[in-house]
N, C-alpha and C. Protein backbone atom coordinates (compact mmCIF):
# COMPACT_ATOMS: atom_id res chain seq x y z
N UNK A 1 13.22 -3.85 17.24
CA UNK A 1 13.97 -3.77 15.99
C UNK A 1 15.35 -4.40 16.12
N UNK A 2 15.79 -4.57 17.35
CA UNK A 2 17.12 -5.14 17.57
C UNK A 2 17.21 -6.58 17.08
N UNK A 3 16.08 -7.27 16.96
CA UNK A 3 16.08 -8.67 16.55
C UNK A 3 16.24 -8.84 15.04
N UNK A 4 16.18 -7.73 14.28
CA UNK A 4 16.28 -7.79 12.82
C UNK A 4 17.66 -7.29 12.41
N UNK A 5 18.29 -7.99 11.48
CA UNK A 5 19.62 -7.60 11.00
C UNK A 5 19.47 -6.46 9.99
N UNK A 6 19.77 -5.23 10.45
CA UNK A 6 19.69 -4.05 9.59
C UNK A 6 21.03 -3.34 9.60
N UNK A 7 21.30 -2.62 8.52
CA UNK A 7 22.44 -1.72 8.51
C UNK A 7 22.27 -0.76 9.68
N UNK A 8 23.34 -0.51 10.43
CA UNK A 8 23.25 0.29 11.65
C UNK A 8 22.68 1.69 11.40
N UNK A 9 23.08 2.33 10.31
CA UNK A 9 22.58 3.68 10.04
C UNK A 9 21.09 3.65 9.70
N UNK A 10 20.66 2.62 8.96
CA UNK A 10 19.24 2.48 8.63
C UNK A 10 18.43 2.20 9.88
N UNK A 11 18.96 1.35 10.75
CA UNK A 11 18.25 1.03 12.00
C UNK A 11 18.06 2.27 12.85
N UNK A 12 19.11 3.09 12.99
CA UNK A 12 19.01 4.33 13.77
C UNK A 12 17.99 5.27 13.16
N UNK A 13 18.02 5.42 11.84
CA UNK A 13 17.07 6.31 11.16
C UNK A 13 15.64 5.82 11.35
N UNK A 14 15.42 4.53 11.18
CA UNK A 14 14.08 3.97 11.34
C UNK A 14 13.57 4.16 12.77
N UNK A 15 14.42 3.87 13.76
CA UNK A 15 14.02 4.07 15.15
C UNK A 15 13.66 5.52 15.42
N UNK A 16 14.48 6.44 14.91
CA UNK A 16 14.22 7.87 15.12
C UNK A 16 12.91 8.29 14.47
N UNK A 17 12.69 7.85 13.22
CA UNK A 17 11.45 8.19 12.51
C UNK A 17 10.22 7.65 13.25
N UNK A 18 10.29 6.41 13.70
CA UNK A 18 9.16 5.81 14.41
C UNK A 18 8.91 6.49 15.74
N UNK A 19 9.96 6.82 16.47
CA UNK A 19 9.79 7.50 17.76
C UNK A 19 9.23 8.91 17.56
N UNK A 20 9.69 9.61 16.53
CA UNK A 20 9.13 10.94 16.24
C UNK A 20 7.65 10.81 15.93
N UNK A 21 7.30 9.81 15.14
CA UNK A 21 5.90 9.61 14.78
C UNK A 21 5.05 9.33 16.02
N UNK A 22 5.49 8.40 16.84
CA UNK A 22 4.70 7.98 18.01
C UNK A 22 4.64 9.07 19.07
N UNK A 23 5.75 9.76 19.30
CA UNK A 23 5.85 10.69 20.43
C UNK A 23 5.60 12.15 20.10
N UNK A 24 5.48 12.51 18.83
CA UNK A 24 5.37 13.92 18.48
C UNK A 24 4.27 14.18 17.45
N UNK A 25 3.04 13.89 17.85
CA UNK A 25 1.89 14.15 16.97
C UNK A 25 1.82 15.62 16.59
N UNK A 26 2.24 16.50 17.49
CA UNK A 26 2.18 17.94 17.22
C UNK A 26 3.07 18.33 16.05
N UNK A 27 4.13 17.56 15.78
CA UNK A 27 4.99 17.83 14.62
C UNK A 27 4.17 17.78 13.34
N UNK A 28 3.32 16.78 13.21
CA UNK A 28 2.48 16.64 12.03
C UNK A 28 1.46 17.77 11.94
N UNK A 29 0.93 18.19 13.08
CA UNK A 29 -0.01 19.31 13.10
C UNK A 29 0.69 20.60 12.67
N UNK A 30 1.93 20.81 13.16
CA UNK A 30 2.68 22.02 12.81
C UNK A 30 2.97 22.12 11.32
N UNK A 31 3.26 21.00 10.68
CA UNK A 31 3.59 21.05 9.26
C UNK A 31 2.36 20.82 8.37
N UNK A 32 1.19 20.68 9.00
CA UNK A 32 -0.06 20.56 8.24
C UNK A 32 -0.24 19.23 7.52
N UNK A 33 0.32 18.17 8.08
CA UNK A 33 0.20 16.85 7.46
C UNK A 33 -0.70 15.97 8.31
N UNK A 34 -1.43 15.05 7.67
CA UNK A 34 -2.22 14.10 8.45
C UNK A 34 -1.29 13.27 9.34
N UNK A 35 -1.80 12.90 10.50
CA UNK A 35 -1.01 12.11 11.43
C UNK A 35 -1.06 10.65 11.02
N UNK A 36 -0.21 10.32 10.06
CA UNK A 36 -0.05 8.95 9.59
C UNK A 36 1.35 8.84 8.99
N UNK A 37 1.82 7.62 8.85
CA UNK A 37 3.19 7.40 8.36
C UNK A 37 3.17 6.29 7.34
N UNK A 38 3.81 6.51 6.20
CA UNK A 38 3.94 5.50 5.16
C UNK A 38 5.37 5.01 5.07
N UNK A 39 5.53 3.71 4.99
CA UNK A 39 6.85 3.10 4.90
C UNK A 39 6.84 2.13 3.72
N UNK A 40 7.83 2.26 2.85
CA UNK A 40 7.99 1.34 1.72
C UNK A 40 9.18 0.45 1.98
N UNK A 41 8.95 -0.85 1.94
CA UNK A 41 10.02 -1.84 2.07
C UNK A 41 10.12 -2.59 0.75
N UNK A 42 11.31 -2.62 0.19
CA UNK A 42 11.48 -3.30 -1.08
C UNK A 42 12.80 -4.06 -1.11
N UNK A 43 12.83 -5.08 -1.93
CA UNK A 43 14.02 -5.90 -2.08
C UNK A 43 13.64 -7.29 -2.52
N UNK A 44 14.65 -8.08 -2.77
CA UNK A 44 14.44 -9.45 -3.23
C UNK A 44 13.71 -10.26 -2.15
N UNK A 45 13.06 -11.35 -2.56
CA UNK A 45 12.43 -12.23 -1.58
C UNK A 45 13.46 -12.72 -0.57
N UNK A 46 13.04 -12.81 0.69
CA UNK A 46 13.91 -13.33 1.72
C UNK A 46 14.87 -12.32 2.33
N UNK A 47 14.67 -11.03 2.05
CA UNK A 47 15.58 -10.02 2.59
C UNK A 47 15.11 -9.44 3.91
N UNK A 48 14.02 -9.94 4.47
CA UNK A 48 13.61 -9.54 5.81
C UNK A 48 12.51 -8.50 5.90
N UNK A 49 11.78 -8.28 4.82
CA UNK A 49 10.71 -7.27 4.85
C UNK A 49 9.63 -7.65 5.87
N UNK A 50 9.17 -8.88 5.82
CA UNK A 50 8.12 -9.32 6.74
C UNK A 50 8.64 -9.36 8.17
N UNK A 51 9.87 -9.77 8.37
CA UNK A 51 10.46 -9.77 9.72
C UNK A 51 10.53 -8.36 10.27
N UNK A 52 10.87 -7.40 9.42
CA UNK A 52 10.95 -6.00 9.85
C UNK A 52 9.56 -5.48 10.23
N UNK A 53 8.55 -5.84 9.47
CA UNK A 53 7.17 -5.44 9.80
C UNK A 53 6.80 -5.97 11.18
N UNK A 54 7.09 -7.24 11.43
CA UNK A 54 6.78 -7.84 12.74
C UNK A 54 7.56 -7.16 13.85
N UNK A 55 8.80 -6.80 13.59
CA UNK A 55 9.62 -6.11 14.60
C UNK A 55 9.06 -4.72 14.90
N UNK A 56 8.62 -4.00 13.87
CA UNK A 56 8.01 -2.68 14.07
C UNK A 56 6.74 -2.81 14.91
N UNK A 57 5.91 -3.80 14.57
CA UNK A 57 4.68 -4.04 15.33
C UNK A 57 4.98 -4.33 16.79
N UNK A 58 5.96 -5.16 17.03
CA UNK A 58 6.34 -5.51 18.40
C UNK A 58 6.91 -4.29 19.14
N UNK A 59 7.80 -3.56 18.48
CA UNK A 59 8.43 -2.38 19.09
C UNK A 59 7.38 -1.35 19.52
N UNK A 60 6.36 -1.15 18.67
CA UNK A 60 5.36 -0.11 18.93
C UNK A 60 4.11 -0.65 19.61
N UNK A 61 4.04 -1.95 19.85
CA UNK A 61 2.86 -2.59 20.46
C UNK A 61 1.59 -2.24 19.68
N UNK A 62 1.66 -2.44 18.37
CA UNK A 62 0.51 -2.18 17.49
C UNK A 62 0.16 -3.45 16.74
N UNK A 63 -1.13 -3.62 16.49
CA UNK A 63 -1.59 -4.75 15.70
C UNK A 63 -1.34 -4.49 14.22
N UNK A 64 -1.23 -5.59 13.47
CA UNK A 64 -1.04 -5.52 12.02
C UNK A 64 -2.34 -5.93 11.34
N UNK A 65 -2.77 -5.13 10.38
CA UNK A 65 -3.94 -5.43 9.56
C UNK A 65 -3.46 -5.58 8.12
N UNK A 66 -3.54 -6.81 7.59
CA UNK A 66 -3.12 -7.05 6.21
C UNK A 66 -4.29 -6.74 5.28
N UNK A 67 -4.03 -5.92 4.29
CA UNK A 67 -5.06 -5.55 3.32
C UNK A 67 -4.68 -6.15 1.97
N UNK A 68 -5.49 -7.08 1.50
CA UNK A 68 -5.26 -7.72 0.20
C UNK A 68 -6.06 -6.97 -0.85
N UNK A 69 -5.38 -6.22 -1.68
CA UNK A 69 -6.06 -5.39 -2.68
C UNK A 69 -6.79 -6.21 -3.74
N UNK A 70 -6.41 -7.47 -3.92
CA UNK A 70 -7.11 -8.31 -4.90
C UNK A 70 -8.56 -8.54 -4.50
N UNK A 71 -8.87 -8.38 -3.22
CA UNK A 71 -10.24 -8.57 -2.73
C UNK A 71 -11.08 -7.31 -2.82
N UNK A 72 -10.48 -6.20 -3.22
CA UNK A 72 -11.17 -4.91 -3.28
C UNK A 72 -11.70 -4.70 -4.69
N UNK A 73 -13.01 -4.59 -4.82
CA UNK A 73 -13.62 -4.54 -6.14
C UNK A 73 -13.95 -3.15 -6.65
N UNK A 74 -13.99 -2.14 -5.77
CA UNK A 74 -14.30 -0.79 -6.24
C UNK A 74 -13.80 0.24 -5.23
N UNK A 75 -13.95 1.52 -5.59
CA UNK A 75 -13.46 2.61 -4.74
C UNK A 75 -14.12 2.62 -3.36
N UNK A 76 -15.41 2.36 -3.31
CA UNK A 76 -16.12 2.37 -2.02
C UNK A 76 -15.59 1.29 -1.08
N UNK A 77 -15.35 0.10 -1.63
CA UNK A 77 -14.83 -0.99 -0.80
C UNK A 77 -13.39 -0.70 -0.36
N UNK A 78 -12.61 -0.04 -1.21
CA UNK A 78 -11.25 0.33 -0.84
C UNK A 78 -11.27 1.33 0.31
N UNK A 79 -12.08 2.37 0.18
CA UNK A 79 -12.19 3.37 1.25
C UNK A 79 -12.68 2.73 2.55
N UNK A 80 -13.66 1.84 2.44
CA UNK A 80 -14.20 1.16 3.63
C UNK A 80 -13.14 0.28 4.29
N UNK A 81 -12.34 -0.39 3.49
CA UNK A 81 -11.29 -1.26 4.05
C UNK A 81 -10.27 -0.44 4.83
N UNK A 82 -9.82 0.68 4.28
CA UNK A 82 -8.86 1.52 4.98
C UNK A 82 -9.47 2.15 6.23
N UNK A 83 -10.70 2.64 6.11
CA UNK A 83 -11.30 3.36 7.25
C UNK A 83 -11.76 2.42 8.36
N UNK A 84 -11.89 1.13 8.09
CA UNK A 84 -12.34 0.19 9.12
C UNK A 84 -11.23 -0.21 10.10
N UNK A 85 -10.00 0.11 9.78
CA UNK A 85 -8.89 -0.23 10.68
C UNK A 85 -8.87 0.76 11.84
N UNK A 86 -8.86 0.27 13.08
CA UNK A 86 -8.86 1.18 14.24
C UNK A 86 -7.63 2.09 14.26
N UNK A 87 -7.74 3.19 14.97
CA UNK A 87 -6.65 4.16 15.09
C UNK A 87 -5.41 3.51 15.69
N UNK A 88 -4.27 4.08 15.35
CA UNK A 88 -2.97 3.69 15.92
C UNK A 88 -2.60 2.24 15.66
N UNK A 89 -2.86 1.76 14.46
CA UNK A 89 -2.50 0.40 14.09
C UNK A 89 -1.60 0.43 12.86
N UNK A 90 -1.25 -0.73 12.34
CA UNK A 90 -0.40 -0.85 11.16
C UNK A 90 -1.19 -1.54 10.06
N UNK A 91 -1.25 -0.91 8.89
CA UNK A 91 -1.85 -1.52 7.71
C UNK A 91 -0.70 -1.98 6.82
N UNK A 92 -0.74 -3.25 6.41
CA UNK A 92 0.31 -3.78 5.54
C UNK A 92 -0.29 -4.16 4.20
N UNK A 93 0.34 -3.67 3.15
CA UNK A 93 0.01 -4.02 1.77
C UNK A 93 1.21 -4.80 1.25
N UNK A 94 1.15 -6.13 1.37
CA UNK A 94 2.30 -6.95 1.04
C UNK A 94 2.33 -7.29 -0.45
N UNK A 95 3.53 -7.26 -1.03
CA UNK A 95 3.72 -7.53 -2.47
C UNK A 95 2.72 -6.75 -3.30
N UNK A 96 2.64 -5.46 -3.03
CA UNK A 96 1.62 -4.59 -3.61
C UNK A 96 1.66 -4.57 -5.14
N UNK A 97 2.82 -4.78 -5.72
CA UNK A 97 2.93 -4.77 -7.19
C UNK A 97 2.21 -5.94 -7.83
N UNK A 98 1.95 -7.00 -7.08
CA UNK A 98 1.25 -8.17 -7.63
C UNK A 98 -0.25 -8.10 -7.41
N UNK A 99 -0.72 -7.09 -6.69
CA UNK A 99 -2.12 -7.06 -6.30
C UNK A 99 -3.01 -6.19 -7.19
N UNK A 100 -2.42 -5.24 -7.89
CA UNK A 100 -3.25 -4.36 -8.71
C UNK A 100 -2.44 -3.69 -9.81
N UNK A 101 -2.91 -3.81 -11.04
CA UNK A 101 -2.26 -3.12 -12.15
C UNK A 101 -2.44 -1.61 -12.04
N UNK A 102 -3.44 -1.17 -11.29
CA UNK A 102 -3.68 0.26 -11.08
C UNK A 102 -2.44 0.91 -10.48
N UNK A 103 -1.68 0.18 -9.69
CA UNK A 103 -0.51 0.73 -8.99
C UNK A 103 0.76 0.66 -9.82
N UNK A 104 0.68 0.05 -11.01
CA UNK A 104 1.85 -0.05 -11.88
C UNK A 104 2.14 1.29 -12.54
N UNK A 105 3.39 1.47 -12.98
CA UNK A 105 3.78 2.69 -13.68
C UNK A 105 2.84 2.93 -14.86
N UNK A 106 2.45 4.19 -14.99
CA UNK A 106 1.61 4.56 -16.13
C UNK A 106 2.50 4.88 -17.31
N UNK A 107 2.03 4.53 -18.49
CA UNK A 107 2.74 4.89 -19.72
C UNK A 107 2.35 6.30 -20.10
N UNK A 108 3.11 6.89 -21.00
CA UNK A 108 2.80 8.26 -21.44
C UNK A 108 1.44 8.32 -22.11
N UNK A 109 0.98 7.20 -22.62
CA UNK A 109 -0.33 7.17 -23.28
C UNK A 109 -1.38 6.59 -22.35
N UNK A 110 -1.27 6.86 -21.05
CA UNK A 110 -2.17 6.24 -20.08
C UNK A 110 -3.63 6.62 -20.31
N UNK A 111 -3.88 7.82 -20.85
CA UNK A 111 -5.26 8.21 -21.13
C UNK A 111 -5.86 7.28 -22.18
N UNK A 112 -5.10 7.01 -23.24
CA UNK A 112 -5.57 6.10 -24.28
C UNK A 112 -5.76 4.70 -23.70
N UNK A 113 -4.80 4.24 -22.90
CA UNK A 113 -4.93 2.91 -22.30
C UNK A 113 -6.14 2.83 -21.38
N UNK A 114 -6.45 3.91 -20.67
CA UNK A 114 -7.62 3.93 -19.79
C UNK A 114 -8.89 3.79 -20.60
N UNK A 115 -8.96 4.48 -21.73
CA UNK A 115 -10.14 4.38 -22.59
C UNK A 115 -10.28 2.95 -23.11
N UNK A 116 -9.17 2.35 -23.54
CA UNK A 116 -9.22 0.98 -24.03
C UNK A 116 -9.67 0.04 -22.91
N UNK A 117 -9.17 0.25 -21.70
CA UNK A 117 -9.53 -0.60 -20.56
C UNK A 117 -11.02 -0.46 -20.25
N UNK A 118 -11.52 0.78 -20.24
CA UNK A 118 -12.93 1.00 -19.97
C UNK A 118 -13.79 0.32 -21.02
N UNK A 119 -13.34 0.39 -22.27
CA UNK A 119 -14.07 -0.28 -23.35
C UNK A 119 -14.13 -1.78 -23.16
N UNK A 120 -13.09 -2.37 -22.66
CA UNK A 120 -13.04 -3.82 -22.47
C UNK A 120 -13.80 -4.27 -21.23
N UNK A 121 -14.01 -3.34 -20.30
CA UNK A 121 -14.61 -3.69 -19.02
C UNK A 121 -15.98 -4.35 -19.17
N UNK A 122 -16.74 -3.91 -20.15
CA UNK A 122 -18.08 -4.44 -20.34
C UNK A 122 -18.12 -5.74 -21.10
N UNK A 123 -17.02 -6.16 -21.70
CA UNK A 123 -16.99 -7.40 -22.45
C UNK A 123 -17.01 -8.59 -21.49
N UNK A 124 -17.35 -9.75 -22.02
CA UNK A 124 -17.45 -10.94 -21.19
C UNK A 124 -16.12 -11.40 -20.62
N UNK A 125 -15.05 -11.21 -21.36
CA UNK A 125 -13.76 -11.71 -20.90
C UNK A 125 -12.65 -10.82 -21.44
N UNK A 126 -11.64 -10.60 -20.61
CA UNK A 126 -10.46 -9.86 -21.06
C UNK A 126 -9.24 -10.70 -20.73
N UNK A 127 -8.11 -10.27 -21.20
CA UNK A 127 -6.89 -11.04 -20.96
C UNK A 127 -6.52 -11.09 -19.49
N UNK A 128 -7.09 -10.20 -18.67
CA UNK A 128 -6.76 -10.21 -17.24
C UNK A 128 -7.81 -10.94 -16.42
N UNK A 129 -8.84 -11.53 -17.06
CA UNK A 129 -9.86 -12.25 -16.30
C UNK A 129 -9.33 -13.60 -15.84
N UNK A 130 -9.77 -13.99 -14.64
CA UNK A 130 -9.49 -15.34 -14.15
C UNK A 130 -10.48 -16.28 -14.82
N UNK A 131 -10.08 -17.52 -15.02
CA UNK A 131 -10.96 -18.53 -15.61
C UNK A 131 -11.12 -19.67 -14.62
N UNK A 132 -12.34 -20.22 -14.59
CA UNK A 132 -12.53 -21.41 -13.77
C UNK A 132 -12.13 -22.63 -14.59
N UNK A 133 -12.35 -23.82 -14.07
CA UNK A 133 -11.97 -25.05 -14.76
C UNK A 133 -12.66 -25.26 -16.09
N UNK A 134 -13.81 -24.61 -16.30
CA UNK A 134 -14.56 -24.75 -17.55
C UNK A 134 -14.29 -23.62 -18.53
N UNK A 135 -13.32 -22.76 -18.22
CA UNK A 135 -12.99 -21.66 -19.11
C UNK A 135 -13.88 -20.45 -18.96
N UNK A 136 -14.80 -20.46 -17.98
CA UNK A 136 -15.68 -19.32 -17.76
C UNK A 136 -14.96 -18.27 -16.93
N UNK A 137 -15.26 -17.02 -17.23
CA UNK A 137 -14.64 -15.92 -16.50
C UNK A 137 -15.16 -15.89 -15.07
N UNK A 138 -14.24 -15.74 -14.12
CA UNK A 138 -14.63 -15.61 -12.71
C UNK A 138 -14.33 -14.21 -12.20
N UNK A 139 -14.03 -13.29 -13.10
CA UNK A 139 -13.77 -11.91 -12.71
C UNK A 139 -12.33 -11.53 -12.93
N UNK A 140 -12.03 -10.25 -12.75
CA UNK A 140 -10.68 -9.78 -13.00
C UNK A 140 -9.69 -10.34 -11.99
N UNK A 141 -8.45 -10.54 -12.45
CA UNK A 141 -7.43 -11.08 -11.56
C UNK A 141 -6.75 -9.99 -10.75
N UNK A 142 -7.05 -8.74 -11.06
CA UNK A 142 -6.50 -7.63 -10.30
C UNK A 142 -7.65 -6.78 -9.76
N UNK A 143 -7.33 -6.01 -8.73
CA UNK A 143 -8.32 -5.12 -8.13
C UNK A 143 -8.80 -4.09 -9.14
N UNK A 144 -10.02 -3.59 -8.94
CA UNK A 144 -10.63 -2.67 -9.89
C UNK A 144 -11.07 -1.39 -9.17
N UNK A 145 -10.12 -0.64 -8.65
CA UNK A 145 -10.39 0.63 -8.00
C UNK A 145 -9.51 1.67 -8.68
N UNK A 146 -9.72 2.94 -8.37
CA UNK A 146 -8.96 3.99 -9.05
C UNK A 146 -7.68 4.34 -8.30
N UNK A 147 -6.70 4.78 -9.05
CA UNK A 147 -5.44 5.22 -8.45
C UNK A 147 -5.68 6.41 -7.54
N UNK A 148 -6.55 7.33 -7.95
CA UNK A 148 -6.79 8.53 -7.13
C UNK A 148 -7.39 8.17 -5.77
N UNK A 149 -8.29 7.19 -5.72
CA UNK A 149 -8.85 6.77 -4.43
C UNK A 149 -7.78 6.09 -3.59
N UNK A 150 -6.96 5.26 -4.21
CA UNK A 150 -5.87 4.60 -3.47
C UNK A 150 -4.93 5.64 -2.87
N UNK A 151 -4.54 6.63 -3.66
CA UNK A 151 -3.64 7.68 -3.16
C UNK A 151 -4.30 8.49 -2.06
N UNK A 152 -5.59 8.75 -2.20
CA UNK A 152 -6.34 9.45 -1.15
C UNK A 152 -6.34 8.67 0.16
N UNK A 153 -6.46 7.35 0.05
CA UNK A 153 -6.40 6.50 1.25
C UNK A 153 -5.02 6.57 1.89
N UNK A 154 -3.98 6.52 1.08
CA UNK A 154 -2.61 6.59 1.62
C UNK A 154 -2.34 7.93 2.28
N UNK A 155 -2.91 8.99 1.72
CA UNK A 155 -2.64 10.33 2.24
C UNK A 155 -3.40 10.64 3.51
N UNK A 156 -4.26 9.75 3.93
CA UNK A 156 -4.87 9.90 5.23
C UNK A 156 -6.20 10.62 5.27
N UNK A 157 -6.80 10.90 4.14
CA UNK A 157 -8.06 11.63 4.16
C UNK A 157 -9.19 10.84 4.80
N UNK A 158 -9.12 9.53 4.78
CA UNK A 158 -10.17 8.71 5.40
C UNK A 158 -9.65 7.80 6.51
N UNK A 159 -8.36 7.85 6.76
CA UNK A 159 -7.77 6.98 7.78
C UNK A 159 -8.02 7.49 9.18
N UNK A 160 -8.11 6.57 10.12
CA UNK A 160 -8.09 6.95 11.53
C UNK A 160 -6.70 7.46 11.86
N UNK A 161 -6.60 8.28 12.89
CA UNK A 161 -5.32 8.89 13.24
C UNK A 161 -4.30 7.87 13.72
N UNK A 162 -3.04 8.21 13.50
CA UNK A 162 -1.94 7.42 14.02
C UNK A 162 -1.61 6.17 13.25
N UNK A 163 -2.11 6.05 12.03
CA UNK A 163 -1.89 4.85 11.24
C UNK A 163 -0.48 4.82 10.66
N UNK A 164 0.08 3.64 10.62
CA UNK A 164 1.32 3.38 9.89
C UNK A 164 0.93 2.45 8.75
N UNK A 165 1.25 2.86 7.53
CA UNK A 165 0.95 2.05 6.35
C UNK A 165 2.28 1.56 5.81
N UNK A 166 2.42 0.25 5.69
CA UNK A 166 3.65 -0.34 5.16
C UNK A 166 3.32 -1.08 3.87
N UNK A 167 3.99 -0.70 2.80
CA UNK A 167 3.87 -1.40 1.53
C UNK A 167 5.16 -2.16 1.29
N UNK A 168 5.04 -3.39 0.78
CA UNK A 168 6.22 -4.15 0.41
C UNK A 168 6.15 -4.52 -1.07
N UNK A 169 7.30 -4.66 -1.67
CA UNK A 169 7.38 -5.09 -3.06
C UNK A 169 8.75 -5.71 -3.32
N UNK A 170 8.78 -6.65 -4.22
CA UNK A 170 10.04 -7.19 -4.71
C UNK A 170 10.50 -6.42 -5.94
N UNK A 171 9.60 -5.61 -6.51
CA UNK A 171 9.89 -4.91 -7.77
C UNK A 171 9.43 -3.46 -7.69
N UNK A 172 10.22 -2.64 -7.03
CA UNK A 172 9.88 -1.22 -6.89
C UNK A 172 9.77 -0.54 -8.26
N UNK A 173 10.51 -1.04 -9.23
CA UNK A 173 10.51 -0.44 -10.57
C UNK A 173 9.17 -0.59 -11.28
N UNK A 174 8.30 -1.47 -10.81
CA UNK A 174 6.98 -1.65 -11.43
C UNK A 174 5.94 -0.66 -10.91
N UNK A 175 6.21 -0.04 -9.76
CA UNK A 175 5.20 0.80 -9.11
C UNK A 175 5.18 2.21 -9.68
N UNK A 176 3.98 2.77 -9.75
CA UNK A 176 3.80 4.14 -10.20
C UNK A 176 4.50 5.08 -9.21
N UNK A 177 5.27 6.04 -9.70
CA UNK A 177 5.96 6.97 -8.81
C UNK A 177 5.02 7.71 -7.86
N UNK A 178 3.78 7.92 -8.25
CA UNK A 178 2.83 8.61 -7.37
C UNK A 178 2.55 7.80 -6.10
N UNK A 179 2.63 6.48 -6.20
CA UNK A 179 2.37 5.62 -5.03
C UNK A 179 3.50 5.64 -4.02
N UNK A 180 4.70 5.90 -4.49
CA UNK A 180 5.87 5.72 -3.63
C UNK A 180 6.69 6.99 -3.46
N UNK A 181 6.10 8.13 -3.79
CA UNK A 181 6.86 9.38 -3.69
C UNK A 181 7.18 9.68 -2.23
N UNK A 182 8.31 10.40 -2.01
CA UNK A 182 8.66 10.80 -0.64
C UNK A 182 7.53 11.62 -0.01
N UNK A 183 7.29 11.37 1.25
CA UNK A 183 6.20 12.02 1.96
C UNK A 183 4.95 11.16 1.99
N UNK A 184 4.80 10.32 1.01
CA UNK A 184 3.69 9.37 0.99
C UNK A 184 4.18 8.02 1.50
N UNK A 185 5.26 7.54 0.92
CA UNK A 185 5.91 6.30 1.36
C UNK A 185 7.40 6.59 1.47
N UNK A 186 7.91 6.55 2.67
CA UNK A 186 9.34 6.82 2.88
C UNK A 186 10.08 5.55 3.26
């Protein structure tokens, strides 16, 4: 972590949190939490989020597994993607706000919007469908899994032990508070 330019207090806090996570699995058992750690990195492009991820990986001698949510088509594939990562590794969800509308802030009328979305799902084309060169739909441009399954994956119900999950975004204000609440993503 010394190779990354961080505010000194933030660097000390991050080092302490990571060392507690790596060296004190019993802490998580005592407080009844799954042995996994979520980290949210946000800021403008070029502020060092990716460099910090690489520094964390190097510091902890863990491999990085990038998970592209745009490639995940349903809840089963999402669960399989998270559970296929070996124990004690790092899962990175980079620019997560651009990968799935499911993770965006819900409006107060989200139930109505969900019904409208479900109704459109069976149609040949929606405003979020990708088009090929001939104007034919090639499928949705965003992932099509549920928020509850995504949150379940983050909370560790299907993860191998010792996972660190890092989400990055340039626009934290776009993300649903449930995705980034303290204790889930710190």
